C-alpha atoms as a PDB file:
ATOM      1  CA  MET A   1     -30.498 -20.001  18.187  1.00  0.00           C
ATOM      2  CA  SER A   2     -31.075 -23.244  16.303  1.00  0.00           C
ATOM      3  CA  PHE A   3     -29.870 -23.703  12.736  1.00  0.00           C
ATOM      4  CA  PHE A   4     -33.501 -23.993  11.645  1.00  0.00           C
ATOM      5  CA  ARG A   5     -34.472 -20.667  13.245  1.00  0.00           C
ATOM      6  CA  TYR A   6     -31.339 -19.122  11.761  1.00  0.00           C
ATOM      7  CA  CYS A   7     -32.462 -20.182   8.315  1.00  0.00           C
ATOM      8  CA  LEU A   8     -35.886 -18.652   8.876  1.00  0.00           C
ATOM      9  CA  ILE A   9     -34.217 -15.330   9.549  1.00  0.00           C
ATOM     10  CA  TYR A  10     -31.727 -15.221   6.714  1.00  0.00           C
ATOM     11  CA  ILE A  11     -33.516 -16.871   3.815  1.00  0.00           C
ATOM     12  CA  PRO A  12     -35.981 -14.037   3.082  1.00  0.00           C
ATOM     13  CA  ILE A  13     -32.967 -11.716   2.988  1.00  0.00           C
ATOM     14  CA  CYS A  14     -30.553 -13.789   0.956  1.00  0.00           C
ATOM     15  CA  ILE A  15     -32.931 -14.437  -1.923  1.00  0.00           C
ATOM     16  CA  LEU A  16     -33.002 -10.704  -2.622  1.00  0.00           C
ATOM     17  CA  PHE A  17     -29.449 -10.804  -3.910  1.00  0.00           C
ATOM     18  CA  SER A  18     -28.966 -11.315  -7.637  1.00  0.00           C
ATOM     19  CA  CYS A  19     -26.599 -13.743  -9.302  1.00  0.00           C
ATOM     20  CA  LYS A  20     -25.324 -10.718 -11.203  1.00  0.00           C
ATOM     21  CA  SER A  21     -23.742  -9.048  -8.152  1.00  0.00           C
ATOM     22  CA  GLY A  22     -20.384  -7.540  -8.990  1.00  0.00           C
ATOM     23  CA  LEU A  23     -17.099  -8.901  -7.684  1.00  0.00           C
ATOM     24  CA  ASP A  24     -13.713  -7.267  -7.463  1.00  0.00           C
ATOM     25  CA  THR A  25     -10.598  -8.666  -9.127  1.00  0.00           C
ATOM     26  CA  ARG A  26      -7.151  -8.772  -7.607  1.00  0.00           C
ATOM     27  CA  GLY A  27      -4.440  -6.715  -9.232  1.00  0.00           C
ATOM     28  CA  THR A  28      -1.262  -8.091 -10.748  1.00  0.00           C
ATOM     29  CA  THR A  29       0.959  -5.359  -9.322  1.00  0.00           C
ATOM     30  CA  SER A  30       1.489  -3.955  -5.815  1.00  0.00           C
ATOM     31  CA  TYR A  31      -0.552  -6.851  -4.448  1.00  0.00           C
ATOM     32  CA  LYS A  32      -1.233  -6.866  -0.707  1.00  0.00           C
ATOM     33  CA  SER A  33      -2.953  -9.670   1.154  1.00  0.00           C
ATOM     34  CA  SER A  34      -6.023  -8.848   3.204  1.00  0.00           C
ATOM     35  CA  ILE A  35      -4.997 -11.523   5.734  1.00  0.00           C
ATOM     36  CA  ASN A  36      -2.210 -11.067   8.247  1.00  0.00           C
ATOM     37  CA  GLU A  37       0.361 -13.693   7.237  1.00  0.00           C
ATOM     38  CA  ALA A  38       1.786 -14.136  10.734  1.00  0.00           C
ATOM     39  CA  SER A  39      -1.695 -14.852  12.043  1.00  0.00           C
ATOM     40  CA  PHE A  40      -2.196 -17.408   9.277  1.00  0.00           C
ATOM     41  CA  THR A  41       1.056 -19.243   9.984  1.00  0.00           C
ATOM     42  CA  ASN A  42       0.011 -19.583  13.634  1.00  0.00           C
ATOM     43  CA  ILE A  43      -2.674 -22.075  12.595  1.00  0.00           C
ATOM     44  CA  PRO A  44      -1.262 -25.486  13.568  1.00  0.00           C
ATOM     45  CA  ILE A  45      -1.497 -28.005  10.734  1.00  0.00           C
ATOM     46  CA  VAL A  46      -2.290 -30.980  12.926  1.00  0.00           C
ATOM     47  CA  ALA A  47      -5.165 -33.432  12.534  1.00  0.00           C
ATOM     48  CA  GLY A  48      -8.325 -32.357  14.286  1.00  0.00           C
ATOM     49  CA  HIS A  49     -11.008 -29.717  14.570  1.00  0.00           C
ATOM     50  CA  ARG A  50     -10.338 -26.091  15.420  1.00  0.00           C
ATOM     51  CA  ILE A  51     -12.519 -22.986  15.839  1.00  0.00           C
ATOM     52  CA  ASP A  52     -10.511 -19.779  15.929  1.00  0.00           C
ATOM     53  CA  LYS A  53      -9.998 -16.424  14.203  1.00  0.00           C
ATOM     54  CA  LEU A  54      -7.560 -14.881  11.764  1.00  0.00           C
ATOM     55  CA  LYS A  55      -6.303 -11.324  11.928  1.00  0.00           C
ATOM     56  CA  VAL A  56      -7.231  -9.401   8.796  1.00  0.00           C
ATOM     57  CA  GLU A  57      -6.003  -6.066   7.519  1.00  0.00           C
ATOM     58  CA  SER A  58      -9.332  -4.375   6.816  1.00  0.00           C
ATOM     59  CA  HIS A  59     -13.110  -4.586   7.273  1.00  0.00           C
ATOM     60  CA  GLY A  60     -12.817  -5.737  10.868  1.00  0.00           C
ATOM     61  CA  ALA A  61      -9.933  -6.922  12.974  1.00  0.00           C
ATOM     62  CA  TYR A  62     -10.587 -10.678  12.845  1.00  0.00           C
ATOM     63  CA  TRP A  63     -12.139 -13.373  10.659  1.00  0.00           C
ATOM     64  CA  ASN A  64     -13.827 -16.245  12.490  1.00  0.00           C
ATOM     65  CA  TYR A  65     -13.390 -19.708  11.037  1.00  0.00           C
ATOM     66  CA  ASP A  66     -13.999 -23.404  11.592  1.00  0.00           C
ATOM     67  CA  ILE A  67     -11.383 -25.790  10.195  1.00  0.00           C
ATOM     68  CA  ASN A  68     -11.060 -29.555  10.021  1.00  0.00           C
ATOM     69  CA  ILE A  69      -7.642 -30.988   9.190  1.00  0.00           C
ATOM     70  CA  PRO A  70      -7.126 -34.643   8.225  1.00  0.00           C
ATOM     71  CA  VAL A  71      -4.137 -36.817   8.999  1.00  0.00           C
ATOM     72  CA  ILE A  72      -1.573 -35.713   6.414  1.00  0.00           C
ATOM     73  CA  GLN A  73       1.149 -38.167   5.506  1.00  0.00           C
ATOM     74  CA  PRO A  74       4.735 -36.875   5.142  1.00  0.00           C
ATOM     75  CA  ASN A  75       5.609 -35.548   1.695  1.00  0.00           C
ATOM     76  CA  SER A  76       2.001 -35.647   0.528  1.00  0.00           C
ATOM     77  CA  LYS A  77      -0.450 -32.969  -0.489  1.00  0.00           C
ATOM     78  CA  VAL A  78      -4.170 -32.892   0.239  1.00  0.00           C
ATOM     79  CA  PRO A  79      -7.249 -31.179  -1.191  1.00  0.00           C
ATOM     80  CA  LEU A  80      -8.505 -27.867   0.195  1.00  0.00           C
ATOM     81  CA  VAL A  81     -12.245 -27.300   0.565  1.00  0.00           C
ATOM     82  CA  ILE A  82     -13.527 -23.740   0.945  1.00  0.00           C
ATOM     83  CA  VAL A  83     -17.021 -23.665   2.472  1.00  0.00           C
ATOM     84  CA  LEU A  84     -19.329 -20.696   1.955  1.00  0.00           C
ATOM     85  CA  HIS A  85     -22.290 -21.042   4.281  1.00  0.00           C
ATOM     86  CA  GLY A  86     -25.799 -19.905   3.463  1.00  0.00           C
ATOM     87  CA  GLY A  87     -27.377 -16.640   4.485  1.00  0.00           C
ATOM     88  CA  ILE A  88     -25.687 -13.718   6.154  1.00  0.00           C
ATOM     89  CA  GLY A  89     -25.626 -14.886   9.760  1.00  0.00           C
ATOM     90  CA  SER A  90     -22.372 -14.726  11.696  1.00  0.00           C
ATOM     91  CA  LYS A  91     -22.956 -17.133  14.580  1.00  0.00           C
ATOM     92  CA  ASN A  92     -24.024 -20.398  12.996  1.00  0.00           C
ATOM     93  CA  TYR A  93     -21.290 -21.102  10.466  1.00  0.00           C
ATOM     94  CA  THR A  94     -19.865 -23.719  12.857  1.00  0.00           C
ATOM     95  CA  GLN A  95     -23.176 -25.602  12.906  1.00  0.00           C
ATOM     96  CA  PHE A  96     -23.256 -25.504   9.122  1.00  0.00           C
ATOM     97  CA  SER A  97     -19.762 -26.952   8.984  1.00  0.00           C
ATOM     98  CA  ASP A  98     -20.428 -29.599  11.620  1.00  0.00           C
ATOM     99  CA  CYS A  99     -23.730 -30.913  10.283  1.00  0.00           C
ATOM    100  CA  LEU A 100     -23.176 -30.645   6.522  1.00  0.00           C
ATOM    101  CA  ALA A 101     -19.747 -29.712   5.183  1.00  0.00           C
ATOM    102  CA  THR A 102     -17.490 -31.863   7.353  1.00  0.00           C
ATOM    103  CA  PRO A 103     -19.504 -35.114   7.390  1.00  0.00           C
ATOM    104  CA  GLY A 104     -20.412 -34.595   3.744  1.00  0.00           C
ATOM    105  CA  LEU A 105     -16.861 -34.105   2.472  1.00  0.00           C
ATOM    106  CA  LYS A 106     -14.630 -35.878   4.989  1.00  0.00           C
ATOM    107  CA  ASP A 107     -13.917 -38.646   2.462  1.00  0.00           C
ATOM    108  CA  THR A 108     -12.177 -36.153   0.204  1.00  0.00           C
ATOM    109  CA  GLY A 109      -9.280 -36.386   2.633  1.00  0.00           C
ATOM    110  CA  GLY A 110      -8.932 -32.626   2.467  1.00  0.00           C
ATOM    111  CA  ILE A 111      -8.588 -29.630   4.741  1.00  0.00           C
ATOM    112  CA  ILE A 112     -12.094 -28.209   5.190  1.00  0.00           C
ATOM    113  CA  PHE A 113     -12.084 -24.471   5.877  1.00  0.00           C
ATOM    114  CA  SER A 114     -15.413 -22.899   6.811  1.00  0.00           C
ATOM    115  CA  PRO A 115     -15.177 -19.160   7.521  1.00  0.00           C
ATOM    116  CA  SER A 116     -17.874 -16.818   8.752  1.00  0.00           C
ATOM    117  CA  GLY A 117     -19.243 -14.279   6.313  1.00  0.00           C
ATOM    118  CA  ALA A 118     -20.254 -12.120   9.292  1.00  0.00           C
ATOM    119  CA  TRP A 119     -23.257  -9.974   8.395  1.00  0.00           C
ATOM    120  CA  ARG A 120     -22.299  -9.800   4.747  1.00  0.00           C
ATOM    121  CA  THR A 121     -22.907 -11.667   1.523  1.00  0.00           C
ATOM    122  CA  TRP A 122     -20.108 -13.609  -0.157  1.00  0.00           C
ATOM    123  CA  THR A 123     -20.411 -11.587  -3.363  1.00  0.00           C
ATOM    124  CA  LEU A 124     -18.921  -8.509  -1.696  1.00  0.00           C
ATOM    125  CA  ALA A 125     -15.512  -7.635  -3.110  1.00  0.00           C
ATOM    126  CA  HIS A 126     -13.566  -7.698   0.166  1.00  0.00           C
ATOM    127  CA  LEU A 127     -14.865 -11.168   1.058  1.00  0.00           C
ATOM    128  CA  GLU A 128     -14.018 -12.495  -2.404  1.00  0.00           C
ATOM    129  CA  LYS A 129     -10.491 -11.108  -2.027  1.00  0.00           C
ATOM    130  CA  ARG A 130     -10.191 -12.576   1.448  1.00  0.00           C
ATOM    131  CA  ILE A 131     -11.121 -16.048   0.152  1.00  0.00           C
ATOM    132  CA  LEU A 132      -8.555 -15.801  -2.650  1.00  0.00           C
ATOM    133  CA  ASP A 133      -5.891 -14.502  -0.261  1.00  0.00           C
ATOM    134  CA  PHE A 134      -6.556 -17.413   2.081  1.00  0.00           C
ATOM    135  CA  ILE A 135      -6.061 -19.864  -0.784  1.00  0.00           C
ATOM    136  CA  ASP A 136      -2.776 -18.183  -1.748  1.00  0.00           C
ATOM    137  CA  LEU A 137      -1.492 -18.478   1.815  1.00  0.00           C
ATOM    138  CA  ALA A 138      -2.659 -22.089   2.091  1.00  0.00           C
ATOM    139  CA  LYS A 139      -0.769 -23.008  -1.084  1.00  0.00           C
ATOM    140  CA  LYS A 140       2.303 -21.179   0.207  1.00  0.00           C
ATOM    141  CA  HIS A 141       2.431 -22.586   3.734  1.00  0.00           C
ATOM    142  CA  TRP A 142       0.407 -25.808   3.805  1.00  0.00           C
ATOM    143  CA  PRO A 143       0.696 -29.142   1.946  1.00  0.00           C
ATOM    144  CA  VAL A 144      -2.201 -28.254  -0.333  1.00  0.00           C
ATOM    145  CA  ASP A 145      -2.536 -29.716  -3.802  1.00  0.00           C
ATOM    146  CA  PRO A 146      -3.241 -26.713  -6.074  1.00  0.00           C
ATOM    147  CA  LYS A 147      -5.065 -29.012  -8.527  1.00  0.00           C
ATOM    148  CA  ARG A 148      -7.540 -30.121  -5.858  1.00  0.00           C
ATOM    149  CA  ILE A 149      -9.023 -26.917  -4.476  1.00  0.00           C
ATOM    150  CA  ILE A 150     -12.810 -26.924  -4.426  1.00  0.00           C
ATOM    151  CA  LEU A 151     -15.581 -24.650  -3.263  1.00  0.00           C
ATOM    152  CA  LEU A 152     -18.755 -25.755  -1.503  1.00  0.00           C
ATOM    153  CA  GLY A 153     -21.517 -23.166  -1.425  1.00  0.00           C
ATOM    154  CA  TYR A 154     -25.012 -23.340   0.008  1.00  0.00           C
ATOM    155  CA  SER A 155     -27.784 -20.849  -0.851  1.00  0.00           C
ATOM    156  CA  ASN A 156     -26.166 -17.403  -0.649  1.00  0.00           C
ATOM    157  CA  GLY A 157     -22.783 -19.129  -0.664  1.00  0.00           C
ATOM    158  CA  ALA A 158     -23.737 -20.989  -3.838  1.00  0.00           C
ATOM    159  CA  ILE A 159     -24.844 -17.781  -5.544  1.00  0.00           C
ATOM    160  CA  ALA A 160     -21.348 -16.437  -4.919  1.00  0.00           C
ATOM    161  CA  GLY A 161     -19.987 -19.746  -6.164  1.00  0.00           C
ATOM    162  CA  TRP A 162     -21.605 -19.251  -9.574  1.00  0.00           C
ATOM    163  CA  GLN A 163     -19.802 -15.906  -9.779  1.00  0.00           C
ATOM    164  CA  TYR A 164     -16.496 -17.389  -8.637  1.00  0.00           C
ATOM    165  CA  ALA A 165     -16.868 -20.161 -11.234  1.00  0.00           C
ATOM    166  CA  LYS A 166     -17.044 -17.521 -13.946  1.00  0.00           C
ATOM    167  CA  LYS A 167     -14.007 -15.636 -12.703  1.00  0.00           C
ATOM    168  CA  HIS A 168     -11.692 -18.151 -11.053  1.00  0.00           C
ATOM    169  CA  SER A 169     -11.651 -21.389 -13.028  1.00  0.00           C
ATOM    170  CA  THR A 170      -7.845 -21.497 -12.760  1.00  0.00           C
ATOM    171  CA  ILE A 171      -8.027 -21.481  -8.954  1.00  0.00           C
ATOM    172  CA  PHE A 172     -10.773 -24.013  -8.224  1.00  0.00           C
ATOM    173  CA  SER A 173     -10.704 -27.494  -9.715  1.00  0.00           C
ATOM    174  CA  ALA A 174     -14.438 -27.949  -9.067  1.00  0.00           C
ATOM    175  CA  MET A 175     -17.429 -26.550  -7.250  1.00  0.00           C
ATOM    176  CA  ILE A 176     -20.347 -28.075  -5.374  1.00  0.00           C
ATOM    177  CA  LEU A 177     -23.260 -25.641  -5.358  1.00  0.00           C
ATOM    178  CA  MET A 178     -26.348 -26.391  -3.297  1.00  0.00           C
ATOM    179  CA  ALA A 179     -29.800 -24.877  -2.844  1.00  0.00           C
ATOM    180  CA  SER A 180     -29.489 -22.099  -5.409  1.00  0.00           C
ATOM    181  CA  SER A 181     -30.381 -21.136  -8.937  1.00  0.00           C
ATOM    182  CA  CYS A 182     -28.439 -18.901 -11.296  1.00  0.00           C
ATOM    183  CA  LYS A 183     -28.877 -18.115 -14.963  1.00  0.00           C
ATOM    184  CA  VAL A 184     -25.667 -18.826 -16.861  1.00  0.00           C
ATOM    185  CA  THR A 185     -25.108 -16.834 -20.049  1.00  0.00           C
ATOM    186  CA  GLU A 186     -21.723 -18.180 -21.127  1.00  0.00           C
ATOM    187  CA  LYS A 187     -19.690 -21.355 -20.819  1.00  0.00           C
ATOM    188  CA  LEU A 188     -18.115 -21.884 -17.405  1.00  0.00           C
ATOM    189  CA  ASN A 189     -14.734 -23.600 -17.582  1.00  0.00           C
ATOM    190  CA  ILE A 190     -15.016 -25.518 -14.346  1.00  0.00           C
ATOM    191  CA  PRO A 191     -16.867 -28.737 -13.402  1.00  0.00           C
ATOM    192  CA  ILE A 192     -19.860 -28.059 -11.146  1.00  0.00           C
ATOM    193  CA  TYR A 193     -21.893 -30.501  -9.055  1.00  0.00           C
ATOM    194  CA  VAL A 194     -25.338 -29.050  -8.357  1.00  0.00           C
ATOM    195  CA  ILE A 195     -27.507 -30.417  -5.536  1.00  0.00           C
ATOM    196  CA  GLN A 196     -31.076 -29.168  -5.380  1.00  0.00           C
ATOM    197  CA  GLY A 197     -34.036 -30.180  -3.220  1.00  0.00           C
ATOM    198  CA  THR A 198     -37.294 -30.879  -5.043  1.00  0.00           C
ATOM    199  CA  GLU A 199     -39.249 -28.999  -2.355  1.00  0.00           C
ATOM    200  CA  ASP A 200     -37.047 -25.902  -2.184  1.00  0.00           C
ATOM    201  CA  ARG A 201     -39.626 -23.098  -2.336  1.00  0.00           C
ATOM    202  CA  PHE A 202     -37.015 -20.339  -2.515  1.00  0.00           C
ATOM    203  CA  PHE A 203     -35.264 -21.841  -5.540  1.00  0.00           C
ATOM    204  CA  PRO A 204     -37.914 -24.009  -7.260  1.00  0.00           C
ATOM    205  CA  ILE A 205     -36.654 -27.219  -8.809  1.00  0.00           C
ATOM    206  CA  ARG A 206     -38.350 -26.559 -12.144  1.00  0.00           C
ATOM    207  CA  LYS A 207     -36.529 -23.271 -12.670  1.00  0.00           C
ATOM    208  CA  ALA A 208     -33.236 -24.698 -11.407  1.00  0.00           C
ATOM    209  CA  ARG A 209     -33.495 -27.673 -13.768  1.00  0.00           C
ATOM    210  CA  LYS A 210     -34.316 -25.398 -16.700  1.00  0.00           C
ATOM    211  CA  ARG A 211     -31.325 -23.174 -16.019  1.00  0.00           C
ATOM    212  CA  ILE A 212     -28.991 -26.136 -15.650  1.00  0.00           C
ATOM    213  CA  THR A 213     -30.197 -27.539 -18.977  1.00  0.00           C
ATOM    214  CA  GLU A 214     -29.559 -24.171 -20.618  1.00  0.00           C
ATOM    215  CA  ALA A 215     -26.068 -23.991 -19.092  1.00  0.00           C
ATOM    216  CA  GLN A 216     -25.264 -27.509 -20.273  1.00  0.00           C
ATOM    217  CA  ALA A 217     -26.323 -26.486 -23.776  1.00  0.00           C
ATOM    218  CA  LEU A 218     -23.680 -23.738 -23.595  1.00  0.00           C
ATOM    219  CA  GLY A 219     -21.066 -26.408 -22.928  1.00  0.00           C
ATOM    220  CA  CYS A 220     -20.915 -26.186 -19.134  1.00  0.00           C
ATOM    221  CA  ASP A 221     -19.804 -29.348 -17.334  1.00  0.00           C
ATOM    222  CA  ILE A 222     -22.598 -29.578 -14.755  1.00  0.00           C
ATOM    223  CA  THR A 223     -23.805 -32.659 -12.900  1.00  0.00           C
ATOM    224  CA  PHE A 224     -27.331 -32.105 -11.581  1.00  0.00           C
ATOM    225  CA  ILE A 225     -28.517 -34.043  -8.510  1.00  0.00           C
ATOM    226  CA  PRO A 226     -32.144 -33.470  -7.457  1.00  0.00           C
ATOM    227  CA  VAL A 227     -32.881 -34.622  -3.900  1.00  0.00           C
ATOM    228  CA  GLN A 228     -36.438 -35.838  -3.527  1.00  0.00           C
ATOM    229  CA  GLY A 229     -38.426 -34.172  -0.765  1.00  0.00           C
ATOM    230  CA  ASN A 230     -35.664 -31.912   0.570  1.00  0.00           C
ATOM    231  CA  THR A 231     -36.402 -28.269   1.317  1.00  0.00           C
ATOM    232  CA  HIS A 232     -34.229 -25.177   1.573  1.00  0.00           C
ATOM    233  CA  LEU A 233     -34.305 -24.548   5.293  1.00  0.00           C
ATOM    234  CA  LYS A 234     -32.946 -27.876   6.537  1.00  0.00           C
ATOM    235  CA  ALA A 235     -29.449 -27.839   5.125  1.00  0.00           C
ATOM    236  CA  CYS A 236     -28.249 -30.625   7.422  1.00  0.00           C
ATOM    237  CA  GLU A 237     -30.553 -33.088   5.677  1.00  0.00           C
ATOM    238  CA  TYR A 238     -28.393 -32.865   2.541  1.00  0.00           C
ATOM    239  CA  THR A 239     -25.405 -34.636   4.105  1.00  0.00           C
ATOM    240  CA  LYS A 240     -25.948 -37.929   2.282  1.00  0.00           C
ATOM    241  CA  ALA A 241     -26.425 -36.133  -1.043  1.00  0.00           C
ATOM    242  CA  LEU A 242     -23.204 -34.205  -0.438  1.00  0.00           C
ATOM    243  CA  GLN A 243     -21.331 -37.417   0.347  1.00  0.00           C
ATOM    244  CA  GLY A 244     -22.249 -38.588  -3.141  1.00  0.00           C
ATOM    245  CA  SER A 245     -20.080 -35.834  -4.622  1.00  0.00           C
ATOM    246  CA  THR A 246     -16.908 -37.485  -3.304  1.00  0.00           C
ATOM    247  CA  ASP A 247     -16.870 -40.184  -5.996  1.00  0.00           C
ATOM    248  CA  TRP A 248     -17.404 -37.486  -8.624  1.00  0.00           C
ATOM    249  CA  LEU A 249     -14.414 -35.555  -7.315  1.00  0.00           C
ATOM    250  CA  HIS A 250     -12.073 -38.545  -7.044  1.00  0.00           C
ATOM    251  CA  HIS A 251     -13.062 -40.452 -10.179  1.00  0.00           C
ATOM    252  CA  THR A 252     -14.151 -37.706 -12.579  1.00  0.00           C
ATOM    253  CA  VAL A 253     -12.627 -34.350 -11.692  1.00  0.00           C
ATOM    254  CA  TRP A 254      -9.318 -35.183 -10.033  1.00  0.00           C
ATOM    255  CA  SER A 255      -8.569 -38.278 -12.088  1.00  0.00           C
ATOM    256  CA  THR A 256      -8.847 -36.079 -15.196  1.00  0.00           C
ATOM    257  CA  ASN A 257      -6.629 -33.406 -13.636  1.00  0.00           C
ATOM    258  CA  SER A 258      -3.915 -35.943 -12.875  1.00  0.00           C
ATOM    259  CA  LYS A 259      -3.627 -37.133 -16.472  1.00  0.00           C
END
């Protein structure tokens, strides 16, 4: 199935989900990871592209993922990019990573981790926990800079990203949210780079712009990038727009964090 046909299937479903979907929070006592640590440590941290699966402790035996690892110099730490694909499809997350996330963010110099949401939405509690557990393990075992962890979300993945921004500003240094629209009712303490197509008929540009303006008035640090002529269904056409976020990360977000 092509990525375009995949979008045709999932978009009418994903827009039914509200930005107000509830998310679970991890406890501070008797904490148990949802990811099998031995399975995680079997991932070789060598430069290149890998498609594989992680053993998880619940909600299915394995978690499919696509990962791109840069050349990492000795005694250095690199950014970590968590990619939440659009829709609820389970088979095309690799295409999403290959055509958008990896070429769009390769200049970050970071590890790009693109997992499959299976037939679920990213706002479900067990998937939120799994993402956070993955980040914990990455910080524990990999040369990841904890001040340079970002989230890229598209469509349904971006809707979850708005929720994560509200709850996890101490975990993510920034977010790049694409092809979505969410009403913000309080200040979000995390920089957000919003990319929105002017011809997105599922999330109209006028409403998205209005909501961003309202969020900025609340004090949110949001950079809004409209992309002329782009629609919702052809995510791969946003690669150039996504590449533009790299300068923002290096010269605005991370340069501030390093001071």
